[in-house]
Amino acid sequence: MFNSRGKRPVILLFGHVYKLWVGGIVSLMVILAALGIWVIKSEPPAYFSRQASLPVNASVEDPPIQFEVETVKENVSGENYFVNYRLKRDQFRQETKAMLSELLNSTVDKSKVQAQEKWLELSTKILKEGEVENLLKMKGFQDAVADVFPENVTVIVYAPSLTPNEVSHIQDIVVRVTKVRLDKITISARK
């Protein structure tokens, strides 16, 4: 209990060193805090111009941009059918994602879980449709759209007609990607 060099107890010796360390750290923190406050207060305030925008009579030297309106009649046959189909499908998906996004930010846990499940279903659907469409193009079809549901799949191919061999190729691709039974696959040709 006593130090061999002196008559002071060991516990008191460590107690003084501990107090010195704590006192030094507290003093350093106080000095740093005071220095930080001094630096913040010594910064000049930011200068903002009172002019919020250009004057109303300001002119632009470049000629203004001209817009022309061109009306296009919707053509639901041929290649335009596939373009229009994809545009409408993407628009519907964006609207669905916007609604689901609102539910994902909800504070109600049940709504959040349901929104997550729907988001996952939509993502899986998009992935499978894209994969079917790309594989069909790789097989030589000019264009195709697929609509994948949990129980069935609809495929529309850009062609005047389909041979039994082409139908078989399409079915193989759809079954491989979606795992849907053959009798639940609908295939159509559209020119």
N, C-alpha and C. Protein backbone atom coordinates (compact mmCIF):
# COMPACT_ATOMS: atom_id res chain seq x y z
N MET A 1 0.81 -1.18 0.00
CA MET A 1 0.00 0.00 0.00
C MET A 1 0.86 1.26 0.00
N PHE A 2 2.00 1.23 0.63
CA PHE A 2 2.89 2.39 0.66
C PHE A 2 3.95 2.24 -0.40
N ASN A 3 4.39 3.34 -0.96
CA ASN A 3 5.45 3.38 -1.95
C ASN A 3 6.78 3.11 -1.26
N SER A 4 7.65 2.31 -1.88
CA SER A 4 8.92 1.95 -1.24
C SER A 4 9.90 3.13 -1.19
N ARG A 5 9.80 4.09 -2.10
CA ARG A 5 10.71 5.24 -2.13
C ARG A 5 10.29 6.32 -1.13
N GLY A 6 9.08 6.43 -0.89
CA GLY A 6 8.61 7.48 0.02
C GLY A 6 7.56 6.91 0.94
N LYS A 7 7.06 7.72 1.78
CA LYS A 7 6.07 7.30 2.75
C LYS A 7 4.64 7.59 2.29
N ARG A 8 4.44 7.96 1.04
CA ARG A 8 3.10 8.27 0.53
C ARG A 8 2.45 6.98 0.04
N PRO A 9 1.16 6.86 0.20
CA PRO A 9 0.46 5.68 -0.35
C PRO A 9 0.45 5.71 -1.87
N VAL A 10 0.51 4.53 -2.50
CA VAL A 10 0.51 4.39 -3.95
C VAL A 10 -0.78 4.94 -4.54
N ILE A 11 -1.88 4.72 -3.88
CA ILE A 11 -3.19 5.15 -4.36
C ILE A 11 -3.23 6.66 -4.52
N LEU A 12 -2.69 7.41 -3.57
CA LEU A 12 -2.70 8.87 -3.66
C LEU A 12 -1.81 9.36 -4.80
N LEU A 13 -0.68 8.65 -5.06
CA LEU A 13 0.21 9.04 -6.14
C LEU A 13 -0.52 8.95 -7.48
N PHE A 14 -1.23 7.83 -7.72
CA PHE A 14 -1.98 7.69 -8.96
C PHE A 14 -3.17 8.65 -9.00
N GLY A 15 -3.74 8.96 -7.91
CA GLY A 15 -4.86 9.88 -7.85
C GLY A 15 -4.47 11.26 -8.32
N HIS A 16 -3.26 11.73 -7.96
CA HIS A 16 -2.81 13.05 -8.37
C HIS A 16 -2.54 13.08 -9.88
N VAL A 17 -1.93 12.03 -10.42
CA VAL A 17 -1.63 11.99 -11.86
C VAL A 17 -2.94 11.97 -12.65
N TYR A 18 -3.89 11.22 -12.19
CA TYR A 18 -5.20 11.14 -12.86
C TYR A 18 -5.87 12.52 -12.87
N LYS A 19 -5.80 13.21 -11.73
CA LYS A 19 -6.41 14.54 -11.65
C LYS A 19 -5.71 15.52 -12.59
N LEU A 20 -4.39 15.40 -12.73
CA LEU A 20 -3.66 16.27 -13.64
C LEU A 20 -4.07 16.03 -15.09
N TRP A 21 -4.20 14.78 -15.48
CA TRP A 21 -4.62 14.45 -16.86
C TRP A 21 -6.02 14.99 -17.15
N VAL A 22 -6.94 14.73 -16.25
CA VAL A 22 -8.32 15.19 -16.45
C VAL A 22 -8.36 16.71 -16.50
N GLY A 23 -7.64 17.36 -15.63
CA GLY A 23 -7.60 18.82 -15.62
C GLY A 23 -7.01 19.38 -16.90
N GLY A 24 -5.96 18.74 -17.40
CA GLY A 24 -5.34 19.18 -18.65
C GLY A 24 -6.28 19.02 -19.84
N ILE A 25 -6.99 17.90 -19.92
CA ILE A 25 -7.92 17.66 -21.03
C ILE A 25 -9.07 18.65 -20.98
N VAL A 26 -9.62 18.90 -19.80
CA VAL A 26 -10.72 19.85 -19.66
C VAL A 26 -10.25 21.25 -20.05
N SER A 27 -9.04 21.63 -19.62
CA SER A 27 -8.50 22.95 -19.97
C SER A 27 -8.32 23.08 -21.48
N LEU A 28 -7.81 22.03 -22.12
CA LEU A 28 -7.62 22.04 -23.57
C LEU A 28 -8.96 22.19 -24.30
N MET A 29 -10.00 21.49 -23.83
CA MET A 29 -11.32 21.59 -24.45
C MET A 29 -11.88 23.01 -24.31
N VAL A 30 -11.70 23.63 -23.16
CA VAL A 30 -12.20 24.99 -22.94
C VAL A 30 -11.48 25.97 -23.87
N ILE A 31 -10.16 25.79 -24.00
CA ILE A 31 -9.39 26.68 -24.88
C ILE A 31 -9.84 26.51 -26.33
N LEU A 32 -10.02 25.26 -26.79
CA LEU A 32 -10.46 25.01 -28.17
C LEU A 32 -11.86 25.57 -28.41
N ALA A 33 -12.76 25.43 -27.45
CA ALA A 33 -14.11 25.96 -27.60
C ALA A 33 -14.08 27.48 -27.72
N ALA A 34 -13.27 28.15 -26.87
CA ALA A 34 -13.16 29.60 -26.92
C ALA A 34 -12.57 30.05 -28.25
N LEU A 35 -11.56 29.34 -28.73
CA LEU A 35 -10.93 29.66 -30.01
C LEU A 35 -11.94 29.49 -31.15
N GLY A 36 -12.76 28.42 -31.12
CA GLY A 36 -13.77 28.19 -32.14
C GLY A 36 -14.81 29.29 -32.17
N ILE A 37 -15.26 29.72 -31.00
CA ILE A 37 -16.25 30.79 -30.92
C ILE A 37 -15.66 32.09 -31.46
N TRP A 38 -14.41 32.36 -31.12
CA TRP A 38 -13.75 33.58 -31.60
C TRP A 38 -13.64 33.57 -33.13
N VAL A 39 -13.29 32.41 -33.73
CA VAL A 39 -13.15 32.31 -35.19
C VAL A 39 -14.50 32.51 -35.86
N ILE A 40 -15.55 31.92 -35.31
CA ILE A 40 -16.88 32.04 -35.91
C ILE A 40 -17.36 33.49 -35.86
N LYS A 41 -17.14 34.16 -34.73
CA LYS A 41 -17.61 35.54 -34.60
C LYS A 41 -16.78 36.52 -35.41
N SER A 42 -15.53 36.16 -35.71
CA SER A 42 -14.68 37.09 -36.45
C SER A 42 -14.91 37.04 -37.95
N GLU A 43 -15.67 36.06 -38.46
CA GLU A 43 -15.99 35.96 -39.89
C GLU A 43 -16.91 37.10 -40.27
N PRO A 44 -16.62 37.80 -41.37
CA PRO A 44 -17.54 38.86 -41.80
C PRO A 44 -18.85 38.25 -42.31
N PRO A 45 -19.96 38.94 -42.15
CA PRO A 45 -21.23 38.40 -42.63
C PRO A 45 -21.23 38.31 -44.15
N ALA A 46 -21.97 37.36 -44.67
CA ALA A 46 -22.07 37.18 -46.12
C ALA A 46 -22.80 38.36 -46.72
N TYR A 47 -22.38 38.75 -47.92
CA TYR A 47 -22.99 39.88 -48.60
C TYR A 47 -23.92 39.37 -49.68
N PHE A 48 -25.16 39.78 -49.63
CA PHE A 48 -26.15 39.43 -50.64
C PHE A 48 -26.62 40.70 -51.32
N SER A 49 -26.65 40.67 -52.62
CA SER A 49 -27.11 41.81 -53.38
C SER A 49 -28.61 41.99 -53.15
N ARG A 50 -29.04 43.23 -53.11
CA ARG A 50 -30.46 43.49 -52.94
C ARG A 50 -31.23 43.23 -54.22
N GLN A 51 -30.54 43.14 -55.35
CA GLN A 51 -31.19 42.90 -56.63
C GLN A 51 -31.47 41.40 -56.75
N ALA A 52 -32.74 40.99 -56.72
CA ALA A 52 -33.12 39.60 -56.74
C ALA A 52 -33.07 39.00 -58.14
N SER A 53 -33.28 39.80 -59.16
CA SER A 53 -33.29 39.28 -60.52
C SER A 53 -32.91 40.41 -61.48
N LEU A 54 -32.84 40.05 -62.75
CA LEU A 54 -32.55 41.05 -63.76
C LEU A 54 -33.70 42.04 -63.87
N PRO A 55 -33.42 43.26 -64.26
CA PRO A 55 -34.51 44.21 -64.46
C PRO A 55 -35.45 43.73 -65.56
N VAL A 56 -36.67 44.20 -65.51
CA VAL A 56 -37.69 43.76 -66.46
C VAL A 56 -37.33 44.15 -67.88
N ASN A 57 -36.65 45.27 -68.07
CA ASN A 57 -36.35 45.72 -69.42
C ASN A 57 -35.02 45.17 -69.94
N ALA A 58 -34.43 44.16 -69.29
CA ALA A 58 -33.18 43.56 -69.75
C ALA A 58 -33.43 42.83 -71.06
N SER A 59 -32.46 42.86 -71.94
CA SER A 59 -32.63 42.21 -73.24
C SER A 59 -31.57 41.14 -73.42
N VAL A 60 -31.92 40.14 -74.17
CA VAL A 60 -31.01 39.07 -74.50
C VAL A 60 -30.59 39.25 -75.94
N GLU A 61 -29.29 39.18 -76.20
CA GLU A 61 -28.81 39.45 -77.55
C GLU A 61 -29.04 38.30 -78.51
N ASP A 62 -29.08 37.07 -78.03
CA ASP A 62 -29.31 35.92 -78.90
C ASP A 62 -30.77 35.89 -79.33
N PRO A 63 -31.04 35.37 -80.52
CA PRO A 63 -32.45 35.27 -80.93
C PRO A 63 -33.18 34.25 -80.06
N PRO A 64 -34.45 34.47 -79.80
CA PRO A 64 -35.19 33.54 -78.95
C PRO A 64 -35.34 32.18 -79.62
N ILE A 65 -35.52 31.17 -78.80
CA ILE A 65 -35.70 29.81 -79.30
C ILE A 65 -37.10 29.68 -79.87
N GLN A 66 -37.19 29.11 -81.06
CA GLN A 66 -38.48 28.93 -81.73
C GLN A 66 -38.92 27.47 -81.60
N PHE A 67 -40.18 27.28 -81.30
CA PHE A 67 -40.76 25.95 -81.22
C PHE A 67 -41.77 25.77 -82.33
N GLU A 68 -41.75 24.62 -82.94
CA GLU A 68 -42.75 24.30 -83.95
C GLU A 68 -43.51 23.07 -83.47
N VAL A 69 -44.81 23.10 -83.68
CA VAL A 69 -45.65 21.99 -83.28
C VAL A 69 -45.95 21.14 -84.50
N GLU A 70 -45.70 19.87 -84.35
CA GLU A 70 -45.97 18.94 -85.45
C GLU A 70 -46.94 17.89 -84.91
N THR A 71 -48.05 17.76 -85.56
CA THR A 71 -49.02 16.76 -85.12
C THR A 71 -48.75 15.45 -85.84
N VAL A 72 -48.76 14.40 -85.06
CA VAL A 72 -48.52 13.07 -85.61
C VAL A 72 -49.74 12.23 -85.30
N LYS A 73 -50.27 11.61 -86.30
CA LYS A 73 -51.41 10.72 -86.09
C LYS A 73 -50.91 9.41 -85.52
N GLU A 74 -51.63 8.94 -84.52
CA GLU A 74 -51.25 7.68 -83.91
C GLU A 74 -51.53 6.54 -84.88
N ASN A 75 -50.52 5.77 -85.12
CA ASN A 75 -50.63 4.64 -86.03
C ASN A 75 -50.49 3.38 -85.17
N VAL A 76 -51.56 2.62 -85.04
CA VAL A 76 -51.53 1.46 -84.17
C VAL A 76 -51.18 0.19 -84.93
N SER A 77 -50.65 0.32 -86.11
CA SER A 77 -50.24 -0.86 -86.85
C SER A 77 -48.74 -0.83 -87.05
N GLY A 78 -48.16 -1.96 -87.27
CA GLY A 78 -46.74 -2.06 -87.58
C GLY A 78 -45.85 -1.67 -86.43
N GLU A 79 -44.70 -1.08 -86.78
CA GLU A 79 -43.69 -0.76 -85.77
C GLU A 79 -44.19 0.27 -84.77
N ASN A 80 -45.05 1.20 -85.19
CA ASN A 80 -45.57 2.21 -84.27
C ASN A 80 -46.38 1.59 -83.14
N TYR A 81 -47.01 0.47 -83.39
CA TYR A 81 -47.76 -0.21 -82.34
C TYR A 81 -46.84 -0.55 -81.18
N PHE A 82 -45.66 -1.07 -81.49
CA PHE A 82 -44.72 -1.49 -80.45
C PHE A 82 -44.13 -0.29 -79.71
N VAL A 83 -43.88 0.79 -80.43
CA VAL A 83 -43.38 2.01 -79.80
C VAL A 83 -44.44 2.58 -78.87
N ASN A 84 -45.67 2.70 -79.35
CA ASN A 84 -46.76 3.23 -78.53
C ASN A 84 -47.03 2.34 -77.32
N TYR A 85 -46.96 1.04 -77.52
CA TYR A 85 -47.19 0.09 -76.42
C TYR A 85 -46.16 0.32 -75.31
N ARG A 86 -44.89 0.44 -75.71
CA ARG A 86 -43.83 0.64 -74.71
C ARG A 86 -43.98 1.99 -74.01
N LEU A 87 -44.33 3.02 -74.77
CA LEU A 87 -44.51 4.34 -74.16
C LEU A 87 -45.63 4.33 -73.12
N LYS A 88 -46.75 3.74 -73.46
CA LYS A 88 -47.87 3.67 -72.51
C LYS A 88 -47.51 2.80 -71.31
N ARG A 89 -46.81 1.71 -71.56
CA ARG A 89 -46.40 0.81 -70.47
C ARG A 89 -45.44 1.53 -69.52
N ASP A 90 -44.48 2.27 -70.07
CA ASP A 90 -43.53 3.00 -69.23
C ASP A 90 -44.22 4.11 -68.45
N GLN A 91 -45.18 4.79 -69.08
CA GLN A 91 -45.92 5.84 -68.39
C GLN A 91 -46.70 5.25 -67.21
N PHE A 92 -47.36 4.14 -67.43
CA PHE A 92 -48.11 3.48 -66.36
C PHE A 92 -47.17 3.05 -65.23
N ARG A 93 -46.01 2.53 -65.59
CA ARG A 93 -45.05 2.09 -64.57
C ARG A 93 -44.54 3.27 -63.75
N GLN A 94 -44.27 4.40 -64.39
CA GLN A 94 -43.81 5.57 -63.66
C GLN A 94 -44.87 6.06 -62.68
N GLU A 95 -46.13 6.04 -63.10
CA GLU A 95 -47.22 6.43 -62.20
C GLU A 95 -47.32 5.47 -61.03
N THR A 96 -47.18 4.18 -61.31
CA THR A 96 -47.23 3.18 -60.25
C THR A 96 -46.08 3.37 -59.28
N LYS A 97 -44.88 3.60 -59.81
CA LYS A 97 -43.72 3.80 -58.95
C LYS A 97 -43.89 5.04 -58.08
N ALA A 98 -44.47 6.10 -58.62
CA ALA A 98 -44.69 7.32 -57.84
C ALA A 98 -45.63 7.05 -56.67
N MET A 99 -46.71 6.29 -56.93
CA MET A 99 -47.64 5.96 -55.85
C MET A 99 -46.97 5.07 -54.81
N LEU A 100 -46.21 4.08 -55.26
CA LEU A 100 -45.53 3.19 -54.33
C LEU A 100 -44.47 3.93 -53.53
N SER A 101 -43.82 4.88 -54.15
CA SER A 101 -42.80 5.67 -53.46
C SER A 101 -43.41 6.43 -52.28
N GLU A 102 -44.60 6.96 -52.48
CA GLU A 102 -45.29 7.66 -51.39
C GLU A 102 -45.58 6.69 -50.24
N LEU A 103 -46.00 5.48 -50.59
CA LEU A 103 -46.31 4.49 -49.56
C LEU A 103 -45.04 4.01 -48.85
N LEU A 104 -43.94 3.94 -49.58
CA LEU A 104 -42.67 3.52 -48.96
C LEU A 104 -42.21 4.52 -47.91
N ASN A 105 -42.57 5.78 -48.08
CA ASN A 105 -42.21 6.80 -47.11
C ASN A 105 -43.22 6.93 -45.99
N SER A 106 -44.21 6.07 -45.99
CA SER A 106 -45.27 6.12 -44.98
C SER A 106 -44.73 5.71 -43.61
N THR A 107 -45.42 6.17 -42.58
CA THR A 107 -45.05 5.78 -41.22
C THR A 107 -45.80 4.53 -40.78
N VAL A 108 -46.77 4.10 -41.56
CA VAL A 108 -47.55 2.91 -41.23
C VAL A 108 -46.79 1.69 -41.75
N ASP A 109 -46.41 0.81 -40.84
CA ASP A 109 -45.59 -0.34 -41.20
C ASP A 109 -46.27 -1.27 -42.20
N LYS A 110 -47.57 -1.48 -42.02
CA LYS A 110 -48.30 -2.39 -42.93
C LYS A 110 -48.28 -1.85 -44.36
N SER A 111 -48.49 -0.55 -44.51
CA SER A 111 -48.47 0.07 -45.84
C SER A 111 -47.07 -0.03 -46.45
N LYS A 112 -46.07 0.17 -45.63
CA LYS A 112 -44.69 0.09 -46.09
C LYS A 112 -44.36 -1.31 -46.61
N VAL A 113 -44.76 -2.31 -45.85
CA VAL A 113 -44.48 -3.70 -46.24
C VAL A 113 -45.20 -4.05 -47.54
N GLN A 114 -46.46 -3.65 -47.65
CA GLN A 114 -47.21 -3.92 -48.88
C GLN A 114 -46.59 -3.18 -50.07
N ALA A 115 -46.15 -1.95 -49.86
CA ALA A 115 -45.52 -1.18 -50.93
C ALA A 115 -44.21 -1.83 -51.36
N GLN A 116 -43.45 -2.35 -50.40
CA GLN A 116 -42.20 -3.03 -50.74
C GLN A 116 -42.47 -4.29 -51.57
N GLU A 117 -43.51 -5.03 -51.19
CA GLU A 117 -43.87 -6.24 -51.94
C GLU A 117 -44.29 -5.88 -53.37
N LYS A 118 -45.11 -4.85 -53.52
CA LYS A 118 -45.56 -4.42 -54.85
C LYS A 118 -44.39 -3.91 -55.68
N TRP A 119 -43.48 -3.17 -55.05
CA TRP A 119 -42.30 -2.66 -55.76
C TRP A 119 -41.46 -3.83 -56.26
N LEU A 120 -41.29 -4.85 -55.43
CA LEU A 120 -40.52 -6.03 -55.82
C LEU A 120 -41.21 -6.77 -56.96
N GLU A 121 -42.54 -6.91 -56.89
CA GLU A 121 -43.30 -7.55 -57.97
C GLU A 121 -43.13 -6.78 -59.28
N LEU A 122 -43.23 -5.46 -59.22
CA LEU A 122 -43.09 -4.63 -60.42
C LEU A 122 -41.68 -4.75 -60.99
N SER A 123 -40.69 -4.73 -60.13
CA SER A 123 -39.31 -4.85 -60.59
C SER A 123 -39.06 -6.20 -61.25
N THR A 124 -39.60 -7.26 -60.66
CA THR A 124 -39.45 -8.59 -61.24
C THR A 124 -40.16 -8.67 -62.59
N LYS A 125 -41.35 -8.09 -62.67
CA LYS A 125 -42.12 -8.07 -63.92
C LYS A 125 -41.35 -7.35 -65.02
N ILE A 126 -40.80 -6.17 -64.70
CA ILE A 126 -40.03 -5.39 -65.66
C ILE A 126 -38.81 -6.18 -66.14
N LEU A 127 -38.14 -6.81 -65.21
CA LEU A 127 -36.94 -7.59 -65.54
C LEU A 127 -37.28 -8.74 -66.49
N LYS A 128 -38.32 -9.49 -66.17
CA LYS A 128 -38.70 -10.63 -67.00
C LYS A 128 -39.17 -10.20 -68.38
N GLU A 129 -39.98 -9.13 -68.45
CA GLU A 129 -40.45 -8.64 -69.75
C GLU A 129 -39.29 -8.20 -70.62
N GLY A 130 -38.36 -7.47 -70.04
CA GLY A 130 -37.20 -7.02 -70.79
C GLY A 130 -36.34 -8.18 -71.27
N GLU A 131 -36.19 -9.19 -70.43
CA GLU A 131 -35.39 -10.35 -70.81
C GLU A 131 -36.05 -11.13 -71.96
N VAL A 132 -37.37 -11.34 -71.87
CA VAL A 132 -38.09 -12.04 -72.95
C VAL A 132 -37.96 -11.26 -74.25
N GLU A 133 -38.20 -9.94 -74.20
CA GLU A 133 -38.14 -9.12 -75.41
C GLU A 133 -36.74 -9.13 -76.03
N ASN A 134 -35.72 -9.02 -75.22
CA ASN A 134 -34.35 -9.03 -75.74
C ASN A 134 -33.96 -10.38 -76.32
N LEU A 135 -34.36 -11.47 -75.67
CA LEU A 135 -34.04 -12.80 -76.19
C LEU A 135 -34.76 -13.04 -77.52
N LEU A 136 -35.98 -12.55 -77.65
CA LEU A 136 -36.70 -12.71 -78.92
C LEU A 136 -36.01 -11.92 -80.04
N LYS A 137 -35.52 -10.74 -79.73
CA LYS A 137 -34.78 -9.97 -80.74
C LYS A 137 -33.49 -10.68 -81.12
N MET A 138 -32.85 -11.30 -80.14
CA MET A 138 -31.62 -12.05 -80.43
C MET A 138 -31.90 -13.28 -81.29
N LYS A 139 -33.10 -13.82 -81.19
CA LYS A 139 -33.49 -14.98 -82.01
C LYS A 139 -33.86 -14.57 -83.43
N GLY A 140 -33.89 -13.26 -83.70
CA GLY A 140 -34.14 -12.81 -85.06
C GLY A 140 -35.46 -12.12 -85.28
N PHE A 141 -36.29 -12.00 -84.27
CA PHE A 141 -37.55 -11.28 -84.42
C PHE A 141 -37.25 -9.78 -84.43
N GLN A 142 -37.89 -9.05 -85.34
CA GLN A 142 -37.62 -7.63 -85.49
C GLN A 142 -38.01 -6.85 -84.24
N ASP A 143 -39.18 -7.15 -83.69
CA ASP A 143 -39.63 -6.47 -82.49
C ASP A 143 -40.65 -7.35 -81.78
N ALA A 144 -40.77 -7.15 -80.48
CA ALA A 144 -41.73 -7.91 -79.69
C ALA A 144 -41.98 -7.18 -78.38
N VAL A 145 -43.17 -7.37 -77.84
CA VAL A 145 -43.49 -6.89 -76.49
C VAL A 145 -44.04 -8.06 -75.70
N ALA A 146 -43.68 -8.08 -74.44
CA ALA A 146 -44.14 -9.14 -73.55
C ALA A 146 -44.84 -8.50 -72.37
N ASP A 147 -45.89 -9.15 -71.91
CA ASP A 147 -46.60 -8.72 -70.72
C ASP A 147 -46.64 -9.91 -69.78
N VAL A 148 -45.85 -9.83 -68.70
CA VAL A 148 -45.69 -10.95 -67.79
C VAL A 148 -46.54 -10.72 -66.54
N PHE A 149 -47.38 -11.70 -66.24
CA PHE A 149 -48.18 -11.72 -65.02
C PHE A 149 -47.81 -12.97 -64.24
N PRO A 150 -48.18 -13.06 -62.97
CA PRO A 150 -47.81 -14.26 -62.20
C PRO A 150 -48.37 -15.56 -62.79
N GLU A 151 -49.56 -15.52 -63.37
CA GLU A 151 -50.19 -16.74 -63.87
C GLU A 151 -50.11 -16.94 -65.37
N ASN A 152 -49.88 -15.85 -66.14
CA ASN A 152 -49.84 -15.99 -67.59
C ASN A 152 -48.93 -14.96 -68.23
N VAL A 153 -48.62 -15.19 -69.50
CA VAL A 153 -47.74 -14.29 -70.26
C VAL A 153 -48.35 -14.08 -71.64
N THR A 154 -48.32 -12.83 -72.11
CA THR A 154 -48.76 -12.50 -73.45
C THR A 154 -47.57 -11.93 -74.21
N VAL A 155 -47.34 -12.46 -75.41
CA VAL A 155 -46.24 -11.99 -76.25
C VAL A 155 -46.83 -11.60 -77.60
N ILE A 156 -46.47 -10.41 -78.08
CA ILE A 156 -46.88 -9.94 -79.40
C ILE A 156 -45.60 -9.69 -80.19
N VAL A 157 -45.51 -10.32 -81.35
CA VAL A 157 -44.31 -10.26 -82.17
C VAL A 157 -44.61 -9.51 -83.45
N TYR A 158 -43.66 -8.70 -83.92
CA TYR A 158 -43.80 -7.98 -85.17
C TYR A 158 -43.47 -8.95 -86.31
N ALA A 159 -44.52 -9.46 -86.94
CA ALA A 159 -44.36 -10.40 -88.05
C ALA A 159 -45.71 -10.54 -88.73
N PRO A 160 -45.71 -10.85 -90.03
CA PRO A 160 -47.00 -11.06 -90.71
C PRO A 160 -47.70 -12.31 -90.20
N SER A 161 -46.92 -13.33 -89.91
CA SER A 161 -47.46 -14.57 -89.32
C SER A 161 -46.31 -15.33 -88.69
N LEU A 162 -46.67 -16.35 -87.92
CA LEU A 162 -45.65 -17.14 -87.23
C LEU A 162 -45.75 -18.60 -87.64
N THR A 163 -44.60 -19.20 -87.87
CA THR A 163 -44.57 -20.63 -88.18
C THR A 163 -44.61 -21.41 -86.86
N PRO A 164 -44.98 -22.68 -86.93
CA PRO A 164 -44.97 -23.49 -85.70
C PRO A 164 -43.58 -23.53 -85.04
N ASN A 165 -42.52 -23.50 -85.83
CA ASN A 165 -41.16 -23.49 -85.29
C ASN A 165 -40.88 -22.20 -84.52
N GLU A 166 -41.34 -21.05 -85.06
CA GLU A 166 -41.16 -19.77 -84.38
C GLU A 166 -41.96 -19.72 -83.08
N VAL A 167 -43.18 -20.24 -83.12
CA VAL A 167 -44.00 -20.29 -81.91
C VAL A 167 -43.30 -21.13 -80.84
N SER A 168 -42.70 -22.24 -81.26
CA SER A 168 -41.98 -23.11 -80.32
C SER A 168 -40.79 -22.38 -79.69
N HIS A 169 -40.05 -21.61 -80.51
CA HIS A 169 -38.91 -20.84 -79.99
C HIS A 169 -39.40 -19.80 -78.96
N ILE A 170 -40.48 -19.14 -79.30
CA ILE A 170 -41.03 -18.12 -78.38
C ILE A 170 -41.46 -18.77 -77.07
N GLN A 171 -42.15 -19.90 -77.17
CA GLN A 171 -42.59 -20.60 -75.96
C GLN A 171 -41.41 -21.03 -75.10
N ASP A 172 -40.36 -21.54 -75.73
CA ASP A 172 -39.17 -21.97 -74.99
C ASP A 172 -38.56 -20.81 -74.20
N ILE A 173 -38.46 -19.67 -74.87
CA ILE A 173 -37.89 -18.49 -74.21
C ILE A 173 -38.75 -18.05 -73.03
N VAL A 174 -40.06 -17.99 -73.26
CA VAL A 174 -40.98 -17.53 -72.21
C VAL A 174 -40.96 -18.48 -71.02
N VAL A 175 -40.98 -19.77 -71.28
CA VAL A 175 -40.98 -20.75 -70.18
C VAL A 175 -39.67 -20.67 -69.40
N ARG A 176 -38.56 -20.53 -70.13
CA ARG A 176 -37.25 -20.46 -69.47
C ARG A 176 -37.14 -19.23 -68.57
N VAL A 177 -37.66 -18.09 -69.02
CA VAL A 177 -37.53 -16.85 -68.26
C VAL A 177 -38.56 -16.75 -67.14
N THR A 178 -39.81 -17.11 -67.43
CA THR A 178 -40.90 -16.84 -66.48
C THR A 178 -41.36 -18.06 -65.68
N LYS A 179 -41.03 -19.25 -66.13
CA LYS A 179 -41.47 -20.50 -65.47
C LYS A 179 -42.99 -20.69 -65.52
N VAL A 180 -43.65 -20.08 -66.51
CA VAL A 180 -45.10 -20.22 -66.69
C VAL A 180 -45.36 -21.43 -67.58
N ARG A 181 -46.46 -22.14 -67.31
CA ARG A 181 -46.81 -23.32 -68.11
C ARG A 181 -47.14 -22.92 -69.54
N LEU A 182 -46.94 -23.85 -70.48
CA LEU A 182 -47.19 -23.59 -71.90
C LEU A 182 -48.63 -23.16 -72.18
N ASP A 183 -49.60 -23.76 -71.49
CA ASP A 183 -50.99 -23.43 -71.76
C ASP A 183 -51.38 -22.04 -71.23
N LYS A 184 -50.49 -21.39 -70.51
CA LYS A 184 -50.74 -20.04 -69.98
C LYS A 184 -50.00 -18.96 -70.78
N ILE A 185 -49.46 -19.34 -71.95
CA ILE A 185 -48.73 -18.39 -72.79
C ILE A 185 -49.57 -18.09 -74.02
N THR A 186 -49.79 -16.79 -74.28
CA THR A 186 -50.52 -16.34 -75.46
C THR A 186 -49.53 -15.64 -76.38
N ILE A 187 -49.48 -16.10 -77.64
CA ILE A 187 -48.56 -15.52 -78.62
C ILE A 187 -49.35 -15.00 -79.80
N SER A 188 -49.06 -13.76 -80.21
CA SER A 188 -49.74 -13.15 -81.35
C SER A 188 -48.70 -12.53 -82.27
N ALA A 189 -49.07 -12.45 -83.55
CA ALA A 189 -48.25 -11.77 -84.54
C ALA A 189 -48.97 -10.50 -84.95
N ARG A 190 -48.21 -9.44 -85.18
CA ARG A 190 -48.81 -8.17 -85.58
C ARG A 190 -47.88 -7.52 -86.60
N LYS A 191 -48.45 -7.12 -87.70
CA LYS A 191 -47.68 -6.47 -88.76
C LYS A 191 -48.15 -5.07 -88.93
